[in-house]
Amino acid sequence: MMEHNTNPIYSFLNECFINENYKEYFEDNEVKIHKKTKKFYIPSDIFFQCYKYFLSAEDKGFIKPSYKIIRAILNDIGINKKKIQMDGVRKEYYEIDSEELKDQLDEMNLIEAVEEFDENDFE
């Protein structure tokens, strides 16, 4: 039941940046990963578009996300927008540290542990 009451942005963040399946939703050139810190940098407009794609892929297209609400949720869990200049172009990027994100989602009990079994485990 908790799954139905949880904002899907948390599932999106978990899927993309903790489970590292971001390539399913973002193009290669849309996500930059810092070599030293391993932090993800995503332009804020691209992030929002990919989140909307995630919703439609998860059959939740009826949810119409608000940019302001998404930004507020991200700020609450420590994902902030920063102005960064890359390749001579200045843009606003979300900076995502997957370790910090994992800690935040764990603290909120939003990462669900799944036990795995195979047929040999049963009589």
C-alpha atoms as a PDB file:
ATOM      1  CA  MET A   1       0.000   0.000   0.000  1.00  0.00           C
ATOM      2  CA  MET A   2       2.888   2.372   0.739  1.00  0.00           C
ATOM      3  CA  GLU A   3       3.941   2.142  -2.912  1.00  0.00           C
ATOM      4  CA  HIS A   4       0.658   3.738  -3.984  1.00  0.00           C
ATOM      5  CA  ASN A   5       1.114   6.656  -1.584  1.00  0.00           C
ATOM      6  CA  THR A   6       4.728   7.421  -2.492  1.00  0.00           C
ATOM      7  CA  ASN A   7       5.559  10.067  -5.060  1.00  0.00           C
ATOM      8  CA  PRO A   8       6.960   8.291  -8.140  1.00  0.00           C
ATOM      9  CA  ILE A   9       9.912  10.705  -8.271  1.00  0.00           C
ATOM     10  CA  TYR A  10      11.542   8.559  -5.571  1.00  0.00           C
ATOM     11  CA  SER A  11      11.144   5.425  -7.707  1.00  0.00           C
ATOM     12  CA  PHE A  12      12.625   7.304 -10.658  1.00  0.00           C
ATOM     13  CA  LEU A  13      15.636   8.433  -8.622  1.00  0.00           C
ATOM     14  CA  ASN A  14      16.121   4.940  -7.203  1.00  0.00           C
ATOM     15  CA  GLU A  15      15.882   3.290 -10.615  1.00  0.00           C
ATOM     16  CA  CYS A  16      18.168   5.750 -12.395  1.00  0.00           C
ATOM     17  CA  PHE A  17      20.849   6.646  -9.888  1.00  0.00           C
ATOM     18  CA  ILE A  18      20.958   3.902  -7.264  1.00  0.00           C
ATOM     19  CA  ASN A  19      20.244   0.958  -9.557  1.00  0.00           C
ATOM     20  CA  GLU A  20      22.235   2.805 -12.255  1.00  0.00           C
ATOM     21  CA  ASN A  21      19.645   2.315 -14.988  1.00  0.00           C
ATOM     22  CA  TYR A  22      19.812   5.964 -16.054  1.00  0.00           C
ATOM     23  CA  LYS A  23      20.674   4.978 -19.650  1.00  0.00           C
ATOM     24  CA  GLU A  24      17.122   3.674 -20.048  1.00  0.00           C
ATOM     25  CA  TYR A  25      15.736   7.188 -19.617  1.00  0.00           C
ATOM     26  CA  PHE A  26      18.555   9.563 -20.571  1.00  0.00           C
ATOM     27  CA  GLU A  27      20.600   9.845 -23.754  1.00  0.00           C
ATOM     28  CA  ASP A  28      24.372   9.364 -23.366  1.00  0.00           C
ATOM     29  CA  ASN A  29      25.163  13.046 -23.793  1.00  0.00           C
ATOM     30  CA  GLU A  30      22.460  14.194 -21.345  1.00  0.00           C
ATOM     31  CA  VAL A  31      24.068  12.789 -18.197  1.00  0.00           C
ATOM     32  CA  LYS A  32      27.565  13.797 -17.172  1.00  0.00           C
ATOM     33  CA  ILE A  33      29.374  11.807 -14.493  1.00  0.00           C
ATOM     34  CA  HIS A  34      32.273  13.491 -12.747  1.00  0.00           C
ATOM     35  CA  LYS A  35      35.356  11.269 -12.934  1.00  0.00           C
ATOM     36  CA  LYS A  36      36.598  11.956  -9.390  1.00  0.00           C
ATOM     37  CA  THR A  37      33.405  12.379  -7.380  1.00  0.00           C
ATOM     38  CA  LYS A  38      31.168  10.046  -9.444  1.00  0.00           C
ATOM     39  CA  LYS A  39      28.359  12.607  -9.077  1.00  0.00           C
ATOM     40  CA  PHE A  40      25.754  12.829 -11.809  1.00  0.00           C
ATOM     41  CA  TYR A  41      25.070  16.165 -13.519  1.00  0.00           C
ATOM     42  CA  ILE A  42      21.839  16.489 -15.488  1.00  0.00           C
ATOM     43  CA  PRO A  43      20.392  19.669 -17.008  1.00  0.00           C
ATOM     44  CA  SER A  44      17.229  20.515 -15.084  1.00  0.00           C
ATOM     45  CA  ASP A  45      15.010  20.662 -18.182  1.00  0.00           C
ATOM     46  CA  ILE A  46      16.284  17.255 -19.392  1.00  0.00           C
ATOM     47  CA  PHE A  47      15.702  15.767 -15.931  1.00  0.00           C
ATOM     48  CA  PHE A  48      12.082  16.906 -15.976  1.00  0.00           C
ATOM     49  CA  GLN A  49      11.471  15.554 -19.505  1.00  0.00           C
ATOM     50  CA  CYS A  50      12.986  12.187 -18.626  1.00  0.00           C
ATOM     51  CA  TYR A  51      10.917  11.996 -15.458  1.00  0.00           C
ATOM     52  CA  LYS A  52       7.760  12.526 -17.544  1.00  0.00           C
ATOM     53  CA  TYR A  53       8.950   9.744 -19.885  1.00  0.00           C
ATOM     54  CA  PHE A  54       9.464   7.482 -16.839  1.00  0.00           C
ATOM     55  CA  LEU A  55       5.891   8.144 -15.733  1.00  0.00           C
ATOM     56  CA  SER A  56       4.477   7.173 -19.115  1.00  0.00           C
ATOM     57  CA  ALA A  57       6.700   4.061 -19.288  1.00  0.00           C
ATOM     58  CA  GLU A  58       5.427   3.007 -15.856  1.00  0.00           C
ATOM     59  CA  ASP A  59       1.775   3.484 -16.888  1.00  0.00           C
ATOM     60  CA  LYS A  60       1.535   6.550 -14.670  1.00  0.00           C
ATOM     61  CA  GLY A  61       1.107   9.028 -17.491  1.00  0.00           C
ATOM     62  CA  PHE A  62      -2.054  10.289 -15.804  1.00  0.00           C
ATOM     63  CA  ILE A  63       0.219  11.983 -13.255  1.00  0.00           C
ATOM     64  CA  LYS A  64       1.026  15.495 -14.434  1.00  0.00           C
ATOM     65  CA  PRO A  65       4.172  16.553 -12.578  1.00  0.00           C
ATOM     66  CA  SER A  66       4.726  20.165 -11.655  1.00  0.00           C
ATOM     67  CA  TYR A  67       8.210  21.581 -12.137  1.00  0.00           C
ATOM     68  CA  LYS A  68       7.913  23.528  -8.859  1.00  0.00           C
ATOM     69  CA  ILE A  69       6.872  20.460  -6.852  1.00  0.00           C
ATOM     70  CA  ILE A  70       9.616  18.285  -8.343  1.00  0.00           C
ATOM     71  CA  ARG A  71      12.201  20.979  -7.596  1.00  0.00           C
ATOM     72  CA  ALA A  72      10.944  21.247  -3.998  1.00  0.00           C
ATOM     73  CA  ILE A  73      11.068  17.458  -3.482  1.00  0.00           C
ATOM     74  CA  LEU A  74      14.577  17.295  -4.916  1.00  0.00           C
ATOM     75  CA  ASN A  75      15.709  20.160  -2.670  1.00  0.00           C
ATOM     76  CA  ASP A  76      14.236  18.378   0.366  1.00  0.00           C
ATOM     77  CA  ILE A  77      16.414  15.324  -0.280  1.00  0.00           C
ATOM     78  CA  GLY A  78      19.577  17.300  -0.996  1.00  0.00           C
ATOM     79  CA  ILE A  79      19.509  17.400  -4.791  1.00  0.00           C
ATOM     80  CA  ASN A  80      20.089  20.995  -5.715  1.00  0.00           C
ATOM     81  CA  LYS A  81      20.367  22.905  -8.943  1.00  0.00           C
ATOM     82  CA  LYS A  82      23.728  24.499  -9.689  1.00  0.00           C
ATOM     83  CA  LYS A  83      24.860  26.791 -12.450  1.00  0.00           C
ATOM     84  CA  ILE A  84      27.758  25.038 -14.132  1.00  0.00           C
ATOM     85  CA  GLN A  85      29.722  25.854 -17.224  1.00  0.00           C
ATOM     86  CA  MET A  86      30.591  22.815 -19.338  1.00  0.00           C
ATOM     87  CA  ASP A  87      32.189  23.018 -22.754  1.00  0.00           C
ATOM     88  CA  GLY A  88      31.790  26.802 -22.739  1.00  0.00           C
ATOM     89  CA  VAL A  89      28.032  26.660 -22.093  1.00  0.00           C
ATOM     90  CA  ARG A  90      26.507  27.715 -18.787  1.00  0.00           C
ATOM     91  CA  LYS A  91      23.382  25.807 -17.717  1.00  0.00           C
ATOM     92  CA  GLU A  92      21.568  24.771 -14.580  1.00  0.00           C
ATOM     93  CA  TYR A  93      22.281  21.171 -13.633  1.00  0.00           C
ATOM     94  CA  TYR A  94      20.995  18.923 -10.908  1.00  0.00           C
ATOM     95  CA  GLU A  95      23.915  17.457  -8.983  1.00  0.00           C
ATOM     96  CA  ILE A  96      23.129  13.939  -7.773  1.00  0.00           C
ATOM     97  CA  ASP A  97      25.390  12.003  -5.437  1.00  0.00           C
ATOM     98  CA  SER A  98      24.107   8.429  -5.570  1.00  0.00           C
ATOM     99  CA  GLU A  99      25.552   7.531  -2.145  1.00  0.00           C
ATOM    100  CA  GLU A 100      23.872  10.483  -0.451  1.00  0.00           C
ATOM    101  CA  LEU A 101      20.669   9.774  -2.358  1.00  0.00           C
ATOM    102  CA  LYS A 102      20.705   6.153  -1.225  1.00  0.00           C
ATOM    103  CA  ASP A 103      21.157   7.263   2.393  1.00  0.00           C
ATOM    104  CA  GLN A 104      18.261   9.730   2.080  1.00  0.00           C
ATOM    105  CA  LEU A 105      15.905   7.167   0.538  1.00  0.00           C
ATOM    106  CA  ASP A 106      16.949   4.536   3.103  1.00  0.00           C
ATOM    107  CA  GLU A 107      16.232   7.008   5.885  1.00  0.00           C
ATOM    108  CA  MET A 108      12.778   7.601   4.426  1.00  0.00           C
ATOM    109  CA  ASN A 109      12.226   3.821   4.060  1.00  0.00           C
ATOM    110  CA  LEU A 110      11.717   4.229   0.329  1.00  0.00           C
ATOM    111  CA  ILE A 111      14.159   1.589  -0.858  1.00  0.00           C
ATOM    112  CA  GLU A 112      12.457  -1.735  -0.742  1.00  0.00           C
ATOM    113  CA  ALA A 113      14.605  -4.770  -0.004  1.00  0.00           C
ATOM    114  CA  VAL A 114      13.641  -7.668  -2.231  1.00  0.00           C
ATOM    115  CA  GLU A 115      14.495 -11.230  -1.272  1.00  0.00           C
ATOM    116  CA  GLU A 116      15.359 -13.518  -4.125  1.00  0.00           C
ATOM    117  CA  PHE A 117      14.440 -17.169  -4.287  1.00  0.00           C
ATOM    118  CA  ASP A 118      14.635 -19.749  -7.014  1.00  0.00           C
ATOM    119  CA  GLU A 119      12.723 -22.962  -7.426  1.00  0.00           C
ATOM    120  CA  ASN A 120      15.410 -25.002  -5.628  1.00  0.00           C
ATOM    121  CA  ASP A 121      14.632 -23.151  -2.411  1.00  0.00           C
ATOM    122  CA  PHE A 122      11.196 -24.744  -2.162  1.00  0.00           C
ATOM    123  CA  GLU A 123       9.888 -28.273  -1.776  1.00  0.00           C
END
